[in-house]
PDB file of N, CA and C in Angstrom:
ATOM      1  N   MET A   1       0.836  -1.178   0.000  1.00  0.00           N
ATOM      2  CA  MET A   1       0.000   0.000   0.000  1.00  0.00           C
ATOM      3  C   MET A   1       0.883   1.245   0.000  1.00  0.00           C
ATOM      4  N   LEU A   2       0.502   2.224  -0.801  1.00  0.00           N
ATOM      5  CA  LEU A   2       1.274   3.450  -0.870  1.00  0.00           C
ATOM      6  C   LEU A   2       1.141   4.248   0.412  1.00  0.00           C
ATOM      7  N   LYS A   3       2.228   4.872   0.789  1.00  0.00           N
ATOM      8  CA  LYS A   3       2.209   5.741   1.955  1.00  0.00           C
ATOM      9  C   LYS A   3       1.676   7.099   1.529  1.00  0.00           C
ATOM     10  N   ASN A   4       1.069   7.793   2.446  1.00  0.00           N
ATOM     11  CA  ASN A   4       0.542   9.119   2.146  1.00  0.00           C
ATOM     12  C   ASN A   4       1.616  10.175   2.340  1.00  0.00           C
ATOM     13  N   PHE A   5       2.664  10.096   1.549  1.00  0.00           N
ATOM     14  CA  PHE A   5       3.745  11.062   1.624  1.00  0.00           C
ATOM     15  C   PHE A   5       3.360  12.338   0.904  1.00  0.00           C
ATOM     16  N   THR A   6       3.838  13.436   1.435  1.00  0.00           N
ATOM     17  CA  THR A   6       3.742  14.677   0.679  1.00  0.00           C
ATOM     18  C   THR A   6       4.844  14.650  -0.369  1.00  0.00           C
ATOM     19  N   GLN A   7       4.717  15.490  -1.361  1.00  0.00           N
ATOM     20  CA  GLN A   7       5.743  15.594  -2.383  1.00  0.00           C
ATOM     21  C   GLN A   7       7.079  15.979  -1.724  1.00  0.00           C
ATOM     22  N   GLU A   8       7.007  16.875  -0.759  1.00  0.00           N
ATOM     23  CA  GLU A   8       8.215  17.319  -0.056  1.00  0.00           C
ATOM     24  C   GLU A   8       8.896  16.143   0.663  1.00  0.00           C
ATOM     25  N   HIS A   9       8.114  15.313   1.341  1.00  0.00           N
ATOM     26  CA  HIS A   9       8.673  14.177   2.072  1.00  0.00           C
ATOM     27  C   HIS A   9       9.291  13.148   1.118  1.00  0.00           C
ATOM     28  N   LEU A  10       8.585  12.830   0.041  1.00  0.00           N
ATOM     29  CA  LEU A  10       9.122  11.865  -0.922  1.00  0.00           C
ATOM     30  C   LEU A  10      10.416  12.395  -1.528  1.00  0.00           C
ATOM     31  N   ALA A  11      10.445  13.658  -1.891  1.00  0.00           N
ATOM     32  CA  ALA A  11      11.658  14.248  -2.467  1.00  0.00           C
ATOM     33  C   ALA A  11      12.818  14.159  -1.475  1.00  0.00           C
ATOM     34  N   LEU A  12      12.547  14.470  -0.227  1.00  0.00           N
ATOM     35  CA  LEU A  12      13.581  14.408   0.806  1.00  0.00           C
ATOM     36  C   LEU A  12      14.099  12.984   0.967  1.00  0.00           C
ATOM     37  N   GLU A  13      13.193  12.020   1.058  1.00  0.00           N
ATOM     38  CA  GLU A  13      13.585  10.618   1.246  1.00  0.00           C
ATOM     39  C   GLU A  13      14.320  10.061   0.028  1.00  0.00           C
ATOM     40  N   ALA A  14      13.970  10.519  -1.178  1.00  0.00           N
ATOM     41  CA  ALA A  14      14.616  10.039  -2.403  1.00  0.00           C
ATOM     42  C   ALA A  14      15.860  10.857  -2.749  1.00  0.00           C
ATOM     43  N   ASN A  15      16.129  11.878  -1.922  1.00  0.00           N
ATOM     44  CA  ASN A  15      17.307  12.725  -2.101  1.00  0.00           C
ATOM     45  C   ASN A  15      17.303  13.482  -3.436  1.00  0.00           C
ATOM     46  N   ILE A  16      16.145  14.059  -3.759  1.00  0.00           N
ATOM     47  CA  ILE A  16      16.028  14.915  -4.933  1.00  0.00           C
ATOM     48  C   ILE A  16      15.275  16.177  -4.524  1.00  0.00           C
ATOM     49  N   SER A  17      15.293  17.174  -5.387  1.00  0.00           N
ATOM     50  CA  SER A  17      14.576  18.400  -5.073  1.00  0.00           C
ATOM     51  C   SER A  17      13.084  18.197  -5.308  1.00  0.00           C
ATOM     52  N   GLN A  18      12.313  18.980  -4.601  1.00  0.00           N
ATOM     53  CA  GLN A  18      10.867  18.915  -4.778  1.00  0.00           C
ATOM     54  C   GLN A  18      10.487  19.360  -6.186  1.00  0.00           C
ATOM     55  N   SER A  19      11.223  20.315  -6.738  1.00  0.00           N
ATOM     56  CA  SER A  19      10.920  20.773  -8.103  1.00  0.00           C
ATOM     57  C   SER A  19      11.189  19.666  -9.121  1.00  0.00           C
ATOM     58  N   GLN A  20      12.243  18.862  -8.888  1.00  0.00           N
ATOM     59  CA  GLN A  20      12.515  17.747  -9.806  1.00  0.00           C
ATOM     60  C   GLN A  20      11.415  16.703  -9.711  1.00  0.00           C
ATOM     61  N   LEU A  21      10.980  16.400  -8.515  1.00  0.00           N
ATOM     62  CA  LEU A  21       9.890  15.445  -8.338  1.00  0.00           C
ATOM     63  C   LEU A  21       8.629  15.945  -9.032  1.00  0.00           C
ATOM     64  N   SER A  22       8.362  17.225  -8.924  1.00  0.00           N
ATOM     65  CA  SER A  22       7.206  17.817  -9.586  1.00  0.00           C
ATOM     66  C   SER A  22       7.292  17.642 -11.102  1.00  0.00           C
ATOM     67  N   LYS A  23       8.487  17.762 -11.646  1.00  0.00           N
ATOM     68  CA  LYS A  23       8.685  17.559 -13.090  1.00  0.00           C
ATOM     69  C   LYS A  23       8.391  16.114 -13.489  1.00  0.00           C
ATOM     70  N   TYR A  24       8.774  15.163 -12.618  1.00  0.00           N
ATOM     71  CA  TYR A  24       8.455  13.761 -12.893  1.00  0.00           C
ATOM     72  C   TYR A  24       6.946  13.561 -12.904  1.00  0.00           C
ATOM     73  N   GLU A  25       6.276  14.123 -11.929  1.00  0.00           N
ATOM     74  CA  GLU A  25       4.823  13.943 -11.807  1.00  0.00           C
ATOM     75  C   GLU A  25       4.068  14.574 -12.972  1.00  0.00           C
ATOM     76  N   SER A  26       4.571  15.689 -13.470  1.00  0.00           N
ATOM     77  CA  SER A  26       3.878  16.388 -14.555  1.00  0.00           C
ATOM     78  C   SER A  26       4.236  15.840 -15.935  1.00  0.00           C
ATOM     79  N   GLY A  27       5.277  14.998 -16.000  1.00  0.00           N
ATOM     80  CA  GLY A  27       5.711  14.458 -17.284  1.00  0.00           C
ATOM     81  C   GLY A  27       6.696  15.358 -18.003  1.00  0.00           C
ATOM     82  N   GLU A  28       7.092  16.442 -17.352  1.00  0.00           N
ATOM     83  CA  GLU A  28       8.061  17.358 -17.951  1.00  0.00           C
ATOM     84  C   GLU A  28       9.453  16.733 -18.018  1.00  0.00           C
ATOM     85  N   SER A  29       9.723  15.807 -17.106  1.00  0.00           N
ATOM     86  CA  SER A  29      10.996  15.107 -17.050  1.00  0.00           C
ATOM     87  C   SER A  29      10.716  13.642 -16.717  1.00  0.00           C
ATOM     88  N   VAL A  30      11.659  12.780 -17.057  1.00  0.00           N
ATOM     89  CA  VAL A  30      11.490  11.347 -16.810  1.00  0.00           C
ATOM     90  C   VAL A  30      12.629  10.863 -15.914  1.00  0.00           C
ATOM     91  N   PRO A  31      12.300  10.195 -14.813  1.00  0.00           N
ATOM     92  CA  PRO A  31      13.362   9.700 -13.937  1.00  0.00           C
ATOM     93  C   PRO A  31      14.118   8.545 -14.577  1.00  0.00           C
ATOM     94  N   ASN A  32      15.402   8.451 -14.256  1.00  0.00           N
ATOM     95  CA  ASN A  32      16.179   7.319 -14.763  1.00  0.00           C
ATOM     96  C   ASN A  32      15.896   6.094 -13.896  1.00  0.00           C
ATOM     97  N   ALA A  33      16.459   4.975 -14.271  1.00  0.00           N
ATOM     98  CA  ALA A  33      16.193   3.710 -13.575  1.00  0.00           C
ATOM     99  C   ALA A  33      16.606   3.768 -12.108  1.00  0.00           C
ATOM    100  N   ASP A  34      17.739   4.390 -11.824  1.00  0.00           N
ATOM    101  CA  ASP A  34      18.181   4.481 -10.430  1.00  0.00           C
ATOM    102  C   ASP A  34      17.193   5.278  -9.590  1.00  0.00           C
ATOM    103  N   MET A  35      16.677   6.366 -10.139  1.00  0.00           N
ATOM    104  CA  MET A  35      15.718   7.181  -9.401  1.00  0.00           C
ATOM    105  C   MET A  35      14.405   6.425  -9.210  1.00  0.00           C
ATOM    106  N   LEU A  36      13.970   5.683 -10.214  1.00  0.00           N
ATOM    107  CA  LEU A  36      12.753   4.881 -10.056  1.00  0.00           C
ATOM    108  C   LEU A  36      12.920   3.876  -8.926  1.00  0.00           C
ATOM    109  N   ARG A  37      14.096   3.249  -8.853  1.00  0.00           N
ATOM    110  CA  ARG A  37      14.349   2.291  -7.770  1.00  0.00           C
ATOM    111  C   ARG A  37      14.325   2.984  -6.410  1.00  0.00           C
ATOM    112  N   LYS A  38      14.922   4.175  -6.319  1.00  0.00           N
ATOM    113  CA  LYS A  38      14.915   4.919  -5.058  1.00  0.00           C
ATOM    114  C   LYS A  38      13.486   5.242  -4.622  1.00  0.00           C
ATOM    115  N   MET A  39      12.711   5.779  -5.551  1.00  0.00           N
ATOM    116  CA  MET A  39      11.342   6.165  -5.213  1.00  0.00           C
ATOM    117  C   MET A  39      10.508   4.943  -4.851  1.00  0.00           C
ATOM    118  N   ALA A  40      10.708   3.848  -5.563  1.00  0.00           N
ATOM    119  CA  ALA A  40       9.966   2.625  -5.252  1.00  0.00           C
ATOM    120  C   ALA A  40      10.315   2.138  -3.851  1.00  0.00           C
ATOM    121  N   LYS A  41      11.583   2.218  -3.500  1.00  0.00           N
ATOM    122  CA  LYS A  41      12.003   1.782  -2.161  1.00  0.00           C
ATOM    123  C   LYS A  41      11.369   2.666  -1.082  1.00  0.00           C
ATOM    124  N   VAL A  42      11.390   3.970  -1.292  1.00  0.00           N
ATOM    125  CA  VAL A  42      10.798   4.899  -0.323  1.00  0.00           C
ATOM    126  C   VAL A  42       9.308   4.628  -0.168  1.00  0.00           C
ATOM    127  N   LEU A  43       8.628   4.384  -1.288  1.00  0.00           N
ATOM    128  CA  LEU A  43       7.180   4.159  -1.266  1.00  0.00           C
ATOM    129  C   LEU A  43       6.800   2.719  -0.926  1.00  0.00           C
ATOM    130  N   ASN A  44       7.810   1.841  -0.855  1.00  0.00           N
ATOM    131  CA  ASN A  44       7.584   0.431  -0.567  1.00  0.00           C
ATOM    132  C   ASN A  44       6.680  -0.228  -1.617  1.00  0.00           C
ATOM    133  N   VAL A  45       7.030   0.023  -2.885  1.00  0.00           N
ATOM    134  CA  VAL A  45       6.318  -0.576  -4.015  1.00  0.00           C
ATOM    135  C   VAL A  45       7.349  -1.154  -4.979  1.00  0.00           C
ATOM    136  N   GLU A  46       6.893  -1.999  -5.877  1.00  0.00           N
ATOM    137  CA  GLU A  46       7.757  -2.512  -6.933  1.00  0.00           C
ATOM    138  C   GLU A  46       7.855  -1.454  -8.038  1.00  0.00           C
ATOM    139  N   VAL A  47       8.993  -1.395  -8.701  1.00  0.00           N
ATOM    140  CA  VAL A  47       9.175  -0.435  -9.794  1.00  0.00           C
ATOM    141  C   VAL A  47       8.091  -0.619 -10.854  1.00  0.00           C
ATOM    142  N   PHE A  48       7.696  -1.876 -11.103  1.00  0.00           N
ATOM    143  CA  PHE A  48       6.639  -2.140 -12.076  1.00  0.00           C
ATOM    144  C   PHE A  48       5.370  -1.358 -11.754  1.00  0.00           C
ATOM    145  N   GLY A  49       5.150  -1.075 -10.492  1.00  0.00           N
ATOM    146  CA  GLY A  49       3.946  -0.368 -10.072  1.00  0.00           C
ATOM    147  C   GLY A  49       3.812   1.030 -10.649  1.00  0.00           C
ATOM    148  N   PHE A  50       4.911   1.623 -11.075  1.00  0.00           N
ATOM    149  CA  PHE A  50       4.860   2.944 -11.680  1.00  0.00           C
ATOM    150  C   PHE A  50       4.279   2.920 -13.094  1.00  0.00           C
ATOM    151  N   PHE A  51       4.218   1.746 -13.695  1.00  0.00           N
ATOM    152  CA  PHE A  51       3.855   1.659 -15.102  1.00  0.00           C
ATOM    153  C   PHE A  51       2.494   1.033 -15.385  1.00  0.00           C
ATOM    154  N   TYR A  52       1.859   0.494 -14.366  1.00  0.00           N
ATOM    155  CA  TYR A  52       0.591  -0.206 -14.560  1.00  0.00           C
ATOM    156  C   TYR A  52      -0.459   0.303 -13.590  1.00  0.00           C
ATOM    157  N   ASP A  53      -1.712   0.317 -14.056  1.00  0.00           N
ATOM    158  CA  ASP A  53      -2.804   0.858 -13.251  1.00  0.00           C
ATOM    159  C   ASP A  53      -3.319  -0.100 -12.190  1.00  0.00           C
ATOM    160  N   THR A  54      -3.197  -1.389 -12.441  1.00  0.00           N
ATOM    161  CA  THR A  54      -3.711  -2.353 -11.475  1.00  0.00           C
ATOM    162  C   THR A  54      -2.621  -3.348 -11.096  1.00  0.00           C
ATOM    163  N   GLU A  55      -2.804  -3.960  -9.963  1.00  0.00           N
ATOM    164  CA  GLU A  55      -1.849  -4.969  -9.523  1.00  0.00           C
ATOM    165  C   GLU A  55      -1.839  -6.151 -10.484  1.00  0.00           C
ATOM    166  N   LYS A  56      -2.997  -6.487 -11.041  1.00  0.00           N
ATOM    167  CA  LYS A  56      -3.079  -7.600 -11.995  1.00  0.00           C
ATOM    168  C   LYS A  56      -2.214  -7.312 -13.223  1.00  0.00           C
ATOM    169  N   GLU A  57      -2.322  -6.103 -13.763  1.00  0.00           N
ATOM    170  CA  GLU A  57      -1.499  -5.735 -14.921  1.00  0.00           C
ATOM    171  C   GLU A  57      -0.011  -5.815 -14.575  1.00  0.00           C
ATOM    172  N   MET A  58       0.325  -5.344 -13.388  1.00  0.00           N
ATOM    173  CA  MET A  58       1.707  -5.357 -12.954  1.00  0.00           C
ATOM    174  C   MET A  58       2.223  -6.794 -12.829  1.00  0.00           C
ATOM    175  N   ARG A  59       1.437  -7.659 -12.207  1.00  0.00           N
ATOM    176  CA  ARG A  59       1.863  -9.053 -12.036  1.00  0.00           C
ATOM    177  C   ARG A  59       2.010  -9.760 -13.384  1.00  0.00           C
ATOM    178  N   GLU A  60       1.100  -9.504 -14.310  1.00  0.00           N
ATOM    179  CA  GLU A  60       1.193 -10.121 -15.636  1.00  0.00           C
ATOM    180  C   GLU A  60       2.456  -9.659 -16.352  1.00  0.00           C
ATOM    181  N   ALA A  61       2.762  -8.384 -16.264  1.00  0.00           N
ATOM    182  CA  ALA A  61       3.979  -7.863 -16.895  1.00  0.00           C
ATOM    183  C   ALA A  61       5.214  -8.472 -16.251  1.00  0.00           C
ATOM    184  N   PHE A  62       5.207  -8.579 -14.936  1.00  0.00           N
ATOM    185  CA  PHE A  62       6.341  -9.166 -14.233  1.00  0.00           C
ATOM    186  C   PHE A  62       6.507 -10.636 -14.618  1.00  0.00           C
ATOM    187  N   ASP A  63       5.410 -11.364 -14.724  1.00  0.00           N
ATOM    188  CA  ASP A  63       5.473 -12.765 -15.141  1.00  0.00           C
ATOM    189  C   ASP A  63       6.049 -12.891 -16.544  1.00  0.00           C
ATOM    190  N   ARG A  64       5.640 -12.010 -17.453  1.00  0.00           N
ATOM    191  CA  ARG A  64       6.185 -12.027 -18.817  1.00  0.00           C
ATOM    192  C   ARG A  64       7.685 -11.773 -18.793  1.00  0.00           C
ATOM    193  N   TRP A  65       8.117 -10.836 -17.952  1.00  0.00           N
ATOM    194  CA  TRP A  65       9.530 -10.511 -17.847  1.00  0.00           C
ATOM    195  C   TRP A  65      10.302 -11.721 -17.317  1.00  0.00           C
ATOM    196  N   LEU A  66       9.752 -12.398 -16.321  1.00  0.00           N
ATOM    197  CA  LEU A  66      10.425 -13.580 -15.783  1.00  0.00           C
ATOM    198  C   LEU A  66      10.537 -14.687 -16.813  1.00  0.00           C
ATOM    199  N   GLN A  67       9.517 -14.862 -17.644  1.00  0.00           N
ATOM    200  CA  GLN A  67       9.542 -15.903 -18.667  1.00  0.00           C
ATOM    201  C   GLN A  67      10.639 -15.607 -19.707  1.00  0.00           C
ATOM    202  N   ARG A  68      10.798 -14.352 -20.080  1.00  0.00           N
ATOM    203  CA  ARG A  68      11.827 -13.984 -21.049  1.00  0.00           C
ATOM    204  C   ARG A  68      13.223 -14.157 -20.468  1.00  0.00           C
ATOM    205  N   LYS A  69      13.333 -13.900 -19.193  1.00  0.00           N
ATOM    206  CA  LYS A  69      14.633 -13.967 -18.522  1.00  0.00           C
ATOM    207  C   LYS A  69      15.112 -15.405 -18.336  1.00  0.00           C
ATOM    208  N   GLY A  70      14.163 -16.312 -18.103  1.00  0.00           N
ATOM    209  CA  GLY A  70      14.518 -17.643 -17.700  1.00  0.00           C
ATOM    210  C   GLY A  70      14.681 -18.631 -18.755  1.00  0.00           C
TER     211      GLY A  70
END
């Protein structure tokens, strides 16, 4: 479950500026893979969760990724 962080708190925990986080949220800028991992860790979610609307979609994508990897 996502934590109810403010933008300021998430930025602080992910060690980025609040303005940079705002750019990610608005689509003005795109975080790199390392930043996605940081934010996912702070929010206690899987990185896949940033790309899918439902947990089912996320799990299906993750399963597809595992099949390709293995």
